């Protein structure tokens, strides 16, 4: 498979996962507004910080309120990570790789793009946001399901899975970061324990992890156990460890994979070490940030290995 085709398949998968994960992250906060006691005041700007979008947001908006944050993450085409922008990138990448991606993908992506454009206001307004986000998540899962049952397990499939798993691992750390940031805003009073239970329960539900968590941990919702589960459970598809293991298995079928495998294994050890101290707090947020940086470096390594031609690789080396 040509390097440019491989790169487009990889990014199509990443952007689709980003759309779904952004919708899931917004859904956490949207649901928490109804579930938490009124005394707890969540800051929506946390979602901007967690996604490392402070500069882009502050260039566009002077008020850091709920409406502006949701508008920026859902429908702002100046935000490179918004749902609208990501869908445009998916369409372009799918349009140029239709010979290796199932044909129905193009139609489903166009339908999702049109739905988002037609219902942007619904996604921004609190009253209808839950339905909007749920429909976006369902549409993403439909496309992923199409790939799962129709794509031959060739190099295009492995590139798609590589992009999906890397983005999924990154967004799982950001969901954990969002929860940790919310926990740190809660005052230590009579409402604290109940509020923390609500927050971590919503994190699990937003990742469709509540039932798998109960089966694996055989425990009520407890912050250290939730963090450990989402970081290191080897069987849950959205845990960081599962994503890393799946990446290793996939890239073994690709050429020149030795360095990538070594990089992933190094990152895997970091995740395991960090999970030993998974109590929410400043240290946890720092650890999650370090993981996000490591995942970004892994992307750079993937790009150098498979997406750059000989001249581009030489330019990078110089």
C-alpha atoms as a PDB file:
ATOM      1  CA  UNK A   1       0.000   0.000   0.000  1.00  0.00           C
ATOM      2  CA  UNK A   2       1.356   3.430  -0.955  1.00  0.00           C
ATOM      3  CA  UNK A   3       2.465   5.626   1.942  1.00  0.00           C
ATOM      4  CA  UNK A   4      -0.066   8.365   1.132  1.00  0.00           C
ATOM      5  CA  UNK A   5      -2.940   5.884   1.049  1.00  0.00           C
ATOM      6  CA  UNK A   6      -1.753   4.365   4.328  1.00  0.00           C
ATOM      7  CA  UNK A   7      -1.617   7.804   5.914  1.00  0.00           C
ATOM      8  CA  UNK A   8      -5.131   8.709   4.762  1.00  0.00           C
ATOM      9  CA  UNK A   9      -6.605   5.453   6.068  1.00  0.00           C
ATOM     10  CA  UNK A  10      -4.812   5.978   9.383  1.00  0.00           C
ATOM     11  CA  UNK A  11      -6.134   9.528   9.699  1.00  0.00           C
ATOM     12  CA  UNK A  12      -9.671   8.601   8.625  1.00  0.00           C
ATOM     13  CA  UNK A  13      -9.777   6.169  11.540  1.00  0.00           C
ATOM     14  CA  UNK A  14      -8.257   8.686  13.942  1.00  0.00           C
ATOM     15  CA  UNK A  15     -10.688  11.432  13.020  1.00  0.00           C
ATOM     16  CA  UNK A  16     -13.699   9.135  13.263  1.00  0.00           C
ATOM     17  CA  UNK A  17     -12.579   8.029  16.708  1.00  0.00           C
ATOM     18  CA  UNK A  18     -12.042  11.686  17.632  1.00  0.00           C
ATOM     19  CA  UNK A  19     -15.596  12.581  16.620  1.00  0.00           C
ATOM     20  CA  UNK A  20     -17.042   9.788  18.739  1.00  0.00           C
ATOM     21  CA  UNK A  21     -14.742  10.455  21.697  1.00  0.00           C
ATOM     22  CA  UNK A  22     -15.428  14.195  21.661  1.00  0.00           C
ATOM     23  CA  UNK A  23     -19.146  13.447  21.721  1.00  0.00           C
ATOM     24  CA  UNK A  24     -18.603  11.052  24.616  1.00  0.00           C
ATOM     25  CA  UNK A  25     -16.546  13.582  26.565  1.00  0.00           C
ATOM     26  CA  UNK A  26     -19.174  16.288  26.113  1.00  0.00           C
ATOM     27  CA  UNK A  27     -21.779  13.774  27.191  1.00  0.00           C
ATOM     28  CA  UNK A  28     -19.970  13.304  30.517  1.00  0.00           C
ATOM     29  CA  UNK A  29     -20.305  16.965  31.373  1.00  0.00           C
ATOM     30  CA  UNK A  30     -23.799  17.223  29.949  1.00  0.00           C
ATOM     31  CA  UNK A  31     -25.024  14.373  32.150  1.00  0.00           C
ATOM     32  CA  UNK A  32     -23.125  15.552  35.208  1.00  0.00           C
ATOM     33  CA  UNK A  33     -24.992  18.853  35.124  1.00  0.00           C
ATOM     34  CA  UNK A  34     -28.194  16.969  35.889  1.00  0.00           C
ATOM     35  CA  UNK A  35     -26.745  14.434  38.321  1.00  0.00           C
ATOM     36  CA  UNK A  36     -24.499  16.487  40.591  1.00  0.00           C
ATOM     37  CA  UNK A  37     -25.807  18.534  43.539  1.00  0.00           C
ATOM     38  CA  UNK A  38     -26.403  22.188  42.725  1.00  0.00           C
ATOM     39  CA  UNK A  39     -23.616  23.164  45.121  1.00  0.00           C
ATOM     40  CA  UNK A  40     -21.062  21.632  42.725  1.00  0.00           C
ATOM     41  CA  UNK A  41     -20.058  24.049  39.978  1.00  0.00           C
ATOM     42  CA  UNK A  42     -18.279  22.359  37.089  1.00  0.00           C
ATOM     43  CA  UNK A  43     -16.059  24.494  34.893  1.00  0.00           C
ATOM     44  CA  UNK A  44     -16.645  23.765  31.221  1.00  0.00           C
ATOM     45  CA  UNK A  45     -13.323  25.349  30.305  1.00  0.00           C
ATOM     46  CA  UNK A  46     -11.677  22.233  31.748  1.00  0.00           C
ATOM     47  CA  UNK A  47     -12.596  20.497  28.485  1.00  0.00           C
ATOM     48  CA  UNK A  48     -10.567  23.060  26.550  1.00  0.00           C
ATOM     49  CA  UNK A  49      -7.540  22.607  28.806  1.00  0.00           C
ATOM     50  CA  UNK A  50      -7.781  18.814  28.733  1.00  0.00           C
ATOM     51  CA  UNK A  51      -7.729  18.851  24.920  1.00  0.00           C
ATOM     52  CA  UNK A  52      -4.804  21.331  24.814  1.00  0.00           C
ATOM     53  CA  UNK A  53      -6.879  23.872  22.886  1.00  0.00           C
ATOM     54  CA  UNK A  54      -6.480  26.931  25.116  1.00  0.00           C
ATOM     55  CA  UNK A  55      -4.771  29.128  22.526  1.00  0.00           C
ATOM     56  CA  UNK A  56      -7.223  28.317  19.733  1.00  0.00           C
ATOM     57  CA  UNK A  57     -10.209  28.860  22.032  1.00  0.00           C
ATOM     58  CA  UNK A  58      -8.981  32.112  23.563  1.00  0.00           C
ATOM     59  CA  UNK A  59      -8.295  33.583  20.128  1.00  0.00           C
ATOM     60  CA  UNK A  60     -11.974  33.101  19.288  1.00  0.00           C
ATOM     61  CA  UNK A  61     -13.851  33.624  22.553  1.00  0.00           C
ATOM     62  CA  UNK A  62     -13.527  36.032  25.451  1.00  0.00           C
ATOM     63  CA  UNK A  63     -16.012  34.208  27.710  1.00  0.00           C
ATOM     64  CA  UNK A  64     -15.175  30.707  28.965  1.00  0.00           C
ATOM     65  CA  UNK A  65     -18.746  29.529  29.483  1.00  0.00           C
ATOM     66  CA  UNK A  66     -20.657  26.366  28.631  1.00  0.00           C
ATOM     67  CA  UNK A  67     -22.153  27.610  25.368  1.00  0.00           C
ATOM     68  CA  UNK A  68     -18.843  28.815  23.931  1.00  0.00           C
ATOM     69  CA  UNK A  69     -16.999  25.655  24.958  1.00  0.00           C
ATOM     70  CA  UNK A  70     -19.638  23.365  23.436  1.00  0.00           C
ATOM     71  CA  UNK A  71     -19.867  25.484  20.289  1.00  0.00           C
ATOM     72  CA  UNK A  72     -16.076  25.391  19.928  1.00  0.00           C
ATOM     73  CA  UNK A  73     -15.847  21.607  20.375  1.00  0.00           C
ATOM     74  CA  UNK A  74     -18.866  20.760  18.212  1.00  0.00           C
ATOM     75  CA  UNK A  75     -19.306  23.267  15.418  1.00  0.00           C
ATOM     76  CA  UNK A  76     -16.384  25.687  15.197  1.00  0.00           C
ATOM     77  CA  UNK A  77     -14.552  25.116  11.923  1.00  0.00           C
ATOM     78  CA  UNK A  78     -11.541  27.088  13.198  1.00  0.00           C
ATOM     79  CA  UNK A  79     -10.963  24.408  15.842  1.00  0.00           C
ATOM     80  CA  UNK A  80      -8.834  21.637  14.266  1.00  0.00           C
ATOM     81  CA  UNK A  81     -10.349  19.080  16.663  1.00  0.00           C
ATOM     82  CA  UNK A  82     -14.039  20.031  16.549  1.00  0.00           C
ATOM     83  CA  UNK A  83     -16.609  17.497  15.408  1.00  0.00           C
ATOM     84  CA  UNK A  84     -17.347  19.542  12.269  1.00  0.00           C
ATOM     85  CA  UNK A  85     -13.672  19.899  11.318  1.00  0.00           C
ATOM     86  CA  UNK A  86     -12.950  16.233  12.012  1.00  0.00           C
ATOM     87  CA  UNK A  87     -15.851  15.168   9.794  1.00  0.00           C
ATOM     88  CA  UNK A  88     -14.508  17.301   6.941  1.00  0.00           C
ATOM     89  CA  UNK A  89     -11.146  15.571   7.328  1.00  0.00           C
ATOM     90  CA  UNK A  90     -12.810  12.144   7.374  1.00  0.00           C
ATOM     91  CA  UNK A  91     -14.694  12.914   4.147  1.00  0.00           C
ATOM     92  CA  UNK A  92     -11.525  14.008   2.375  1.00  0.00           C
ATOM     93  CA  UNK A  93      -9.535  10.982   3.529  1.00  0.00           C
ATOM     94  CA  UNK A  94     -12.331   8.554   2.637  1.00  0.00           C
ATOM     95  CA  UNK A  95     -12.867  10.220  -0.757  1.00  0.00           C
ATOM     96  CA  UNK A  96      -9.248   9.531  -1.699  1.00  0.00           C
ATOM     97  CA  UNK A  97      -9.099   5.960  -0.354  1.00  0.00           C
ATOM     98  CA  UNK A  98     -12.359   4.476  -1.628  1.00  0.00           C
ATOM     99  CA  UNK A  99     -10.499   1.615  -3.318  1.00  0.00           C
ATOM    100  CA  UNK A 100      -9.377   0.194   0.054  1.00  0.00           C
ATOM    101  CA  UNK A 101     -12.294   1.236   2.319  1.00  0.00           C
ATOM    102  CA  UNK A 102     -15.790  -0.361   2.071  1.00  0.00           C
ATOM    103  CA  UNK A 103     -17.851   1.565  -0.482  1.00  0.00           C
ATOM    104  CA  UNK A 104     -20.733   2.245   1.907  1.00  0.00           C
ATOM    105  CA  UNK A 105     -18.389   4.240   4.148  1.00  0.00           C
ATOM    106  CA  UNK A 106     -18.662   7.245   1.846  1.00  0.00           C
ATOM    107  CA  UNK A 107     -22.447   7.338   2.098  1.00  0.00           C
ATOM    108  CA  UNK A 108     -22.495   6.887   5.885  1.00  0.00           C
ATOM    109  CA  UNK A 109     -19.888   9.598   6.438  1.00  0.00           C
ATOM    110  CA  UNK A 110     -21.834  11.995   4.226  1.00  0.00           C
ATOM    111  CA  UNK A 111     -25.039  11.236   6.134  1.00  0.00           C
ATOM    112  CA  UNK A 112     -23.320  11.910   9.460  1.00  0.00           C
ATOM    113  CA  UNK A 113     -21.768  15.135   8.160  1.00  0.00           C
ATOM    114  CA  UNK A 114     -25.134  16.340   6.901  1.00  0.00           C
ATOM    115  CA  UNK A 115     -26.834  15.447  10.182  1.00  0.00           C
ATOM    116  CA  UNK A 116     -24.281  17.422  12.185  1.00  0.00           C
ATOM    117  CA  UNK A 117     -24.584  20.443   9.895  1.00  0.00           C
ATOM    118  CA  UNK A 118     -28.390  20.359  10.035  1.00  0.00           C
ATOM    119  CA  UNK A 119     -28.541  19.959  13.824  1.00  0.00           C
ATOM    120  CA  UNK A 120     -25.645  22.102  15.047  1.00  0.00           C
ATOM    121  CA  UNK A 121     -27.898  24.315  17.115  1.00  0.00           C
ATOM    122  CA  UNK A 122     -29.419  21.246  18.724  1.00  0.00           C
ATOM    123  CA  UNK A 123     -25.928  20.125  19.706  1.00  0.00           C
ATOM    124  CA  UNK A 124     -25.080  23.488  21.233  1.00  0.00           C
ATOM    125  CA  UNK A 125     -28.307  24.008  23.188  1.00  0.00           C
ATOM    126  CA  UNK A 126     -28.408  22.111  26.462  1.00  0.00           C
ATOM    127  CA  UNK A 127     -32.008  20.936  26.095  1.00  0.00           C
ATOM    128  CA  UNK A 128     -31.428  18.818  22.979  1.00  0.00           C
ATOM    129  CA  UNK A 129     -27.709  18.130  23.321  1.00  0.00           C
ATOM    130  CA  UNK A 130     -28.002  14.628  24.777  1.00  0.00           C
ATOM    131  CA  UNK A 131     -29.995  13.376  21.780  1.00  0.00           C
ATOM    132  CA  UNK A 132     -27.613  15.039  19.328  1.00  0.00           C
ATOM    133  CA  UNK A 133     -24.504  13.542  20.933  1.00  0.00           C
ATOM    134  CA  UNK A 134     -26.130  10.122  21.147  1.00  0.00           C
ATOM    135  CA  UNK A 135     -26.928  10.182  17.440  1.00  0.00           C
ATOM    136  CA  UNK A 136     -23.363  11.194  16.577  1.00  0.00           C
ATOM    137  CA  UNK A 137     -21.966   8.358  18.688  1.00  0.00           C
ATOM    138  CA  UNK A 138     -24.347   5.830  17.119  1.00  0.00           C
ATOM    139  CA  UNK A 139     -23.444   6.936  13.590  1.00  0.00           C
ATOM    140  CA  UNK A 140     -19.724   6.584  14.339  1.00  0.00           C
ATOM    141  CA  UNK A 141     -20.292   3.104  15.706  1.00  0.00           C
ATOM    142  CA  UNK A 142     -22.227   2.168  12.572  1.00  0.00           C
ATOM    143  CA  UNK A 143     -19.245   3.123  10.414  1.00  0.00           C
ATOM    144  CA  UNK A 144     -16.829   1.261  12.683  1.00  0.00           C
ATOM    145  CA  UNK A 145     -19.104  -1.786  12.506  1.00  0.00           C
ATOM    146  CA  UNK A 146     -19.115  -1.585   8.707  1.00  0.00           C
ATOM    147  CA  UNK A 147     -15.325  -1.657   8.693  1.00  0.00           C
ATOM    148  CA  UNK A 148     -15.211  -4.468  11.234  1.00  0.00           C
ATOM    149  CA  UNK A 149     -17.323  -6.903   9.220  1.00  0.00           C
ATOM    150  CA  UNK A 150     -16.371  -5.943   5.645  1.00  0.00           C
ATOM    151  CA  UNK A 151     -12.665  -5.122   5.476  1.00  0.00           C
ATOM    152  CA  UNK A 152     -10.127  -7.825   4.636  1.00  0.00           C
ATOM    153  CA  UNK A 153      -7.394  -8.090   7.241  1.00  0.00           C
ATOM    154  CA  UNK A 154      -4.696  -6.583   5.044  1.00  0.00           C
ATOM    155  CA  UNK A 155      -2.346  -3.619   5.460  1.00  0.00           C
ATOM    156  CA  UNK A 156      -5.200  -1.122   5.010  1.00  0.00           C
ATOM    157  CA  UNK A 157      -7.047  -2.756   7.907  1.00  0.00           C
ATOM    158  CA  UNK A 158      -3.943  -2.687  10.105  1.00  0.00           C
ATOM    159  CA  UNK A 159      -3.397   1.011   9.376  1.00  0.00           C
ATOM    160  CA  UNK A 160      -7.016   1.733  10.174  1.00  0.00           C
ATOM    161  CA  UNK A 161      -6.783  -0.158  13.467  1.00  0.00           C
ATOM    162  CA  UNK A 162      -3.513   1.556  14.303  1.00  0.00           C
ATOM    163  CA  UNK A 163      -5.065   4.996  13.941  1.00  0.00           C
ATOM    164  CA  UNK A 164      -8.207   3.985  15.803  1.00  0.00           C
ATOM    165  CA  UNK A 165      -6.327   2.500  18.751  1.00  0.00           C
ATOM    166  CA  UNK A 166      -3.903   5.381  19.117  1.00  0.00           C
ATOM    167  CA  UNK A 167      -6.694   7.956  19.108  1.00  0.00           C
ATOM    168  CA  UNK A 168      -8.829   5.827  21.424  1.00  0.00           C
ATOM    169  CA  UNK A 169      -6.024   5.435  23.961  1.00  0.00           C
ATOM    170  CA  UNK A 170      -5.394   9.180  23.886  1.00  0.00           C
ATOM    171  CA  UNK A 171      -9.060  10.040  24.374  1.00  0.00           C
ATOM    172  CA  UNK A 172      -9.435   7.555  27.233  1.00  0.00           C
ATOM    173  CA  UNK A 173      -6.664   9.390  29.070  1.00  0.00           C
ATOM    174  CA  UNK A 174      -8.476  12.664  28.380  1.00  0.00           C
ATOM    175  CA  UNK A 175     -11.743  11.309  29.760  1.00  0.00           C
ATOM    176  CA  UNK A 176      -9.879  10.299  32.912  1.00  0.00           C
ATOM    177  CA  UNK A 177      -8.304  13.746  33.001  1.00  0.00           C
ATOM    178  CA  UNK A 178     -11.725  15.385  32.699  1.00  0.00           C
ATOM    179  CA  UNK A 179     -13.020  13.357  35.639  1.00  0.00           C
ATOM    180  CA  UNK A 180      -9.947  14.079  37.746  1.00  0.00           C
ATOM    181  CA  UNK A 181     -10.248  17.802  37.038  1.00  0.00           C
ATOM    182  CA  UNK A 182     -13.911  17.710  38.066  1.00  0.00           C
ATOM    183  CA  UNK A 183     -13.074  15.839  41.279  1.00  0.00           C
ATOM    184  CA  UNK A 184     -10.473  18.448  42.190  1.00  0.00           C
ATOM    185  CA  UNK A 185     -13.133  21.169  41.925  1.00  0.00           C
ATOM    186  CA  UNK A 186     -15.361  19.525  44.525  1.00  0.00           C
ATOM    187  CA  UNK A 187     -15.100  20.905  48.029  1.00  0.00           C
ATOM    188  CA  UNK A 188     -14.522  18.419  50.835  1.00  0.00           C
ATOM    189  CA  UNK A 189     -17.980  18.527  52.402  1.00  0.00           C
ATOM    190  CA  UNK A 190     -21.033  16.329  52.939  1.00  0.00           C
ATOM    191  CA  UNK A 191     -21.657  16.155  49.193  1.00  0.00           C
ATOM    192  CA  UNK A 192     -18.108  15.160  48.218  1.00  0.00           C
ATOM    193  CA  UNK A 193     -18.347  11.365  48.396  1.00  0.00           C
ATOM    194  CA  UNK A 194     -21.657  11.213  46.539  1.00  0.00           C
ATOM    195  CA  UNK A 195     -20.422  13.657  43.903  1.00  0.00           C
ATOM    196  CA  UNK A 196     -17.288  11.622  43.279  1.00  0.00           C
ATOM    197  CA  UNK A 197     -19.376   8.472  42.846  1.00  0.00           C
ATOM    198  CA  UNK A 198     -21.533  10.279  40.302  1.00  0.00           C
ATOM    199  CA  UNK A 199     -18.537  11.566  38.351  1.00  0.00           C
ATOM    200  CA  UNK A 200     -16.751   8.222  38.096  1.00  0.00           C
ATOM    201  CA  UNK A 201     -19.986   6.411  37.292  1.00  0.00           C
ATOM    202  CA  UNK A 202     -20.573   8.815  34.417  1.00  0.00           C
ATOM    203  CA  UNK A 203     -17.033   8.301  33.137  1.00  0.00           C
ATOM    204  CA  UNK A 204     -17.654   4.566  32.962  1.00  0.00           C
ATOM    205  CA  UNK A 205     -21.013   5.004  31.231  1.00  0.00           C
ATOM    206  CA  UNK A 206     -19.617   7.502  28.745  1.00  0.00           C
ATOM    207  CA  UNK A 207     -17.098   4.861  27.635  1.00  0.00           C
ATOM    208  CA  UNK A 208     -19.678   2.043  27.730  1.00  0.00           C
ATOM    209  CA  UNK A 209     -17.519   0.608  30.500  1.00  0.00           C
ATOM    210  CA  UNK A 210     -19.909   0.349  33.450  1.00  0.00           C
ATOM    211  CA  UNK A 211     -20.871  -3.292  32.932  1.00  0.00           C
ATOM    212  CA  UNK A 212     -17.335  -4.435  31.946  1.00  0.00           C
ATOM    213  CA  UNK A 213     -15.985  -2.617  35.028  1.00  0.00           C
ATOM    214  CA  UNK A 214     -18.373  -4.424  37.368  1.00  0.00           C
ATOM    215  CA  UNK A 215     -17.572  -7.792  35.809  1.00  0.00           C
ATOM    216  CA  UNK A 216     -13.811  -7.263  35.950  1.00  0.00           C
ATOM    217  CA  UNK A 217     -13.429  -5.484  39.291  1.00  0.00           C
ATOM    218  CA  UNK A 218     -16.394  -6.970  41.194  1.00  0.00           C
ATOM    219  CA  UNK A 219     -16.631  -3.751  43.157  1.00  0.00           C
ATOM    220  CA  UNK A 220     -18.700  -0.630  43.482  1.00  0.00           C
ATOM    221  CA  UNK A 221     -17.454   2.473  41.695  1.00  0.00           C
ATOM    222  CA  UNK A 222     -14.204   3.586  43.332  1.00  0.00           C
ATOM    223  CA  UNK A 223     -11.860   6.149  41.822  1.00  0.00           C
ATOM    224  CA  UNK A 224      -8.578   4.162  42.007  1.00  0.00           C
ATOM    225  CA  UNK A 225     -10.262   1.060  40.588  1.00  0.00           C
ATOM    226  CA  UNK A 226     -11.903   2.994  37.749  1.00  0.00           C
ATOM    227  CA  UNK A 227      -8.570   4.578  36.820  1.00  0.00           C
ATOM    228  CA  UNK A 228      -6.772   1.241  37.004  1.00  0.00           C
ATOM    229  CA  UNK A 229      -9.454  -0.454  34.901  1.00  0.00           C
ATOM    230  CA  UNK A 230      -9.435   2.171  32.148  1.00  0.00           C
ATOM    231  CA  UNK A 231      -5.647   2.230  32.058  1.00  0.00           C
ATOM    232  CA  UNK A 232      -4.665  -1.423  32.386  1.00  0.00           C
ATOM    233  CA  UNK A 233      -7.555  -3.834  31.808  1.00  0.00           C
ATOM    234  CA  UNK A 234      -6.342  -6.208  29.052  1.00  0.00           C
ATOM    235  CA  UNK A 235      -9.829  -7.153  27.800  1.00  0.00           C
ATOM    236  CA  UNK A 236     -11.785  -3.898  27.616  1.00  0.00           C
ATOM    237  CA  UNK A 237     -11.385  -2.351  24.112  1.00  0.00           C
ATOM    238  CA  UNK A 238     -11.204   1.243  25.372  1.00  0.00           C
ATOM    239  CA  UNK A 239      -8.577   0.684  28.043  1.00  0.00           C
ATOM    240  CA  UNK A 240      -5.152   2.088  27.229  1.00  0.00           C
ATOM    241  CA  UNK A 241      -3.494  -1.304  27.719  1.00  0.00           C
ATOM    242  CA  UNK A 242      -5.895  -3.039  25.344  1.00  0.00           C
ATOM    243  CA  UNK A 243      -5.274  -0.393  22.681  1.00  0.00           C
ATOM    244  CA  UNK A 244      -1.502  -0.750  23.016  1.00  0.00           C
ATOM    245  CA  UNK A 245      -1.648  -4.554  22.888  1.00  0.00           C
ATOM    246  CA  UNK A 246      -3.877  -4.418  19.812  1.00  0.00           C
ATOM    247  CA  UNK A 247      -1.453  -2.017  18.136  1.00  0.00           C
ATOM    248  CA  UNK A 248       1.456  -4.394  18.752  1.00  0.00           C
ATOM    249  CA  UNK A 249      -0.426  -7.342  17.259  1.00  0.00           C
ATOM    250  CA  UNK A 250      -1.442  -5.299  14.229  1.00  0.00           C
ATOM    251  CA  UNK A 251       1.878  -3.711  13.319  1.00  0.00           C
ATOM    252  CA  UNK A 252       3.625  -7.103  13.368  1.00  0.00           C
ATOM    253  CA  UNK A 253       2.055  -7.652   9.949  1.00  0.00           C
ATOM    254  CA  UNK A 254       3.552  -4.409   8.581  1.00  0.00           C
ATOM    255  CA  UNK A 255       7.085  -3.848   7.244  1.00  0.00           C
ATOM    256  CA  UNK A 256       9.766  -2.015   9.258  1.00  0.00           C
ATOM    257  CA  UNK A 257       7.740  -2.388  12.443  1.00  0.00           C
ATOM    258  CA  UNK A 258      10.569  -3.164  14.877  1.00  0.00           C
ATOM    259  CA  UNK A 259      11.006   0.369  16.227  1.00  0.00           C
ATOM    260  CA  UNK A 260       7.253   0.945  16.500  1.00  0.00           C
ATOM    261  CA  UNK A 261       6.848  -2.262  18.499  1.00  0.00           C
ATOM    262  CA  UNK A 262       9.679  -1.202  20.809  1.00  0.00           C
ATOM    263  CA  UNK A 263       8.106   2.244  21.269  1.00  0.00           C
ATOM    264  CA  UNK A 264       4.702   0.745  22.095  1.00  0.00           C
ATOM    265  CA  UNK A 265       6.211  -1.691  24.600  1.00  0.00           C
ATOM    266  CA  UNK A 266       8.036   1.155  26.294  1.00  0.00           C
ATOM    267  CA  UNK A 267       4.771   3.091  26.513  1.00  0.00           C
ATOM    268  CA  UNK A 268       3.029  -0.016  27.827  1.00  0.00           C
ATOM    269  CA  UNK A 269       5.494  -0.203  30.723  1.00  0.00           C
ATOM    270  CA  UNK A 270       4.872   3.471  31.482  1.00  0.00           C
ATOM    271  CA  UNK A 271       1.118   2.855  31.663  1.00  0.00           C
ATOM    272  CA  UNK A 272       1.599  -0.103  34.000  1.00  0.00           C
ATOM    273  CA  UNK A 273       3.927   1.861  36.278  1.00  0.00           C
ATOM    274  CA  UNK A 274       1.619   4.877  36.392  1.00  0.00           C
ATOM    275  CA  UNK A 275      -1.443   2.769  37.168  1.00  0.00           C
ATOM    276  CA  UNK A 276       0.086   1.596  40.433  1.00  0.00           C
ATOM    277  CA  UNK A 277      -0.700   5.021  41.903  1.00  0.00           C
ATOM    278  CA  UNK A 278      -4.079   5.850  40.392  1.00  0.00           C
ATOM    279  CA  UNK A 279      -5.623   8.078  43.054  1.00  0.00           C
ATOM    280  CA  UNK A 280      -7.170  11.183  41.419  1.00  0.00           C
ATOM    281  CA  UNK A 281      -5.280  14.398  42.045  1.00  0.00           C
ATOM    282  CA  UNK A 282      -2.486  16.588  40.634  1.00  0.00           C
ATOM    283  CA  UNK A 283      -0.100  13.627  40.337  1.00  0.00           C
ATOM    284  CA  UNK A 284      -2.671  11.681  38.352  1.00  0.00           C
ATOM    285  CA  UNK A 285      -3.251  14.587  35.987  1.00  0.00           C
ATOM    286  CA  UNK A 286       0.496  14.931  35.454  1.00  0.00           C
ATOM    287  CA  UNK A 287       0.763  11.215  34.714  1.00  0.00           C
ATOM    288  CA  UNK A 288      -2.090  11.395  32.209  1.00  0.00           C
ATOM    289  CA  UNK A 289      -0.467  14.376  30.517  1.00  0.00           C
ATOM    290  CA  UNK A 290       2.789  12.421  30.235  1.00  0.00           C
ATOM    291  CA  UNK A 291       0.907   9.545  28.603  1.00  0.00           C
ATOM    292  CA  UNK A 292      -0.675  11.917  26.085  1.00  0.00           C
ATOM    293  CA  UNK A 293       2.761  13.288  25.187  1.00  0.00           C
ATOM    294  CA  UNK A 294       4.116   9.743  24.785  1.00  0.00           C
ATOM    295  CA  UNK A 295       1.224   8.866  22.474  1.00  0.00           C
ATOM    296  CA  UNK A 296       2.019  11.948  20.410  1.00  0.00           C
ATOM    297  CA  UNK A 297       5.643  10.823  20.089  1.00  0.00           C
ATOM    298  CA  UNK A 298       4.393   7.400  19.016  1.00  0.00           C
ATOM    299  CA  UNK A 299       2.414   9.095  16.248  1.00  0.00           C
ATOM    300  CA  UNK A 300       5.572  10.894  15.080  1.00  0.00           C
ATOM    301  CA  UNK A 301       7.388   7.563  14.988  1.00  0.00           C
ATOM    302  CA  UNK A 302       4.569   5.980  12.969  1.00  0.00           C
ATOM    303  CA  UNK A 303       4.642   8.890  10.520  1.00  0.00           C
ATOM    304  CA  UNK A 304       8.407   8.639  10.017  1.00  0.00           C
ATOM    305  CA  UNK A 305       8.217   4.878   9.526  1.00  0.00           C
ATOM    306  CA  UNK A 306       5.348   4.553   7.052  1.00  0.00           C
ATOM    307  CA  UNK A 307       4.076   7.894   5.775  1.00  0.00           C
ATOM    308  CA  UNK A 308       7.183   9.736   4.593  1.00  0.00           C
ATOM    309  CA  UNK A 309       8.842   8.918   1.281  1.00  0.00           C
ATOM    310  CA  UNK A 310      12.622   8.540   1.003  1.00  0.00           C
ATOM    311  CA  UNK A 311      13.250  12.232   0.312  1.00  0.00           C
ATOM    312  CA  UNK A 312      11.006  13.340   3.174  1.00  0.00           C
ATOM    313  CA  UNK A 313      12.715  10.904   5.550  1.00  0.00           C
ATOM    314  CA  UNK A 314      16.103  12.278   4.499  1.00  0.00           C
ATOM    315  CA  UNK A 315      14.911  15.850   5.129  1.00  0.00           C
ATOM    316  CA  UNK A 316      13.704  14.883   8.608  1.00  0.00           C
ATOM    317  CA  UNK A 317      17.028  13.194   9.367  1.00  0.00           C
ATOM    318  CA  UNK A 318      18.923  16.336   8.367  1.00  0.00           C
END
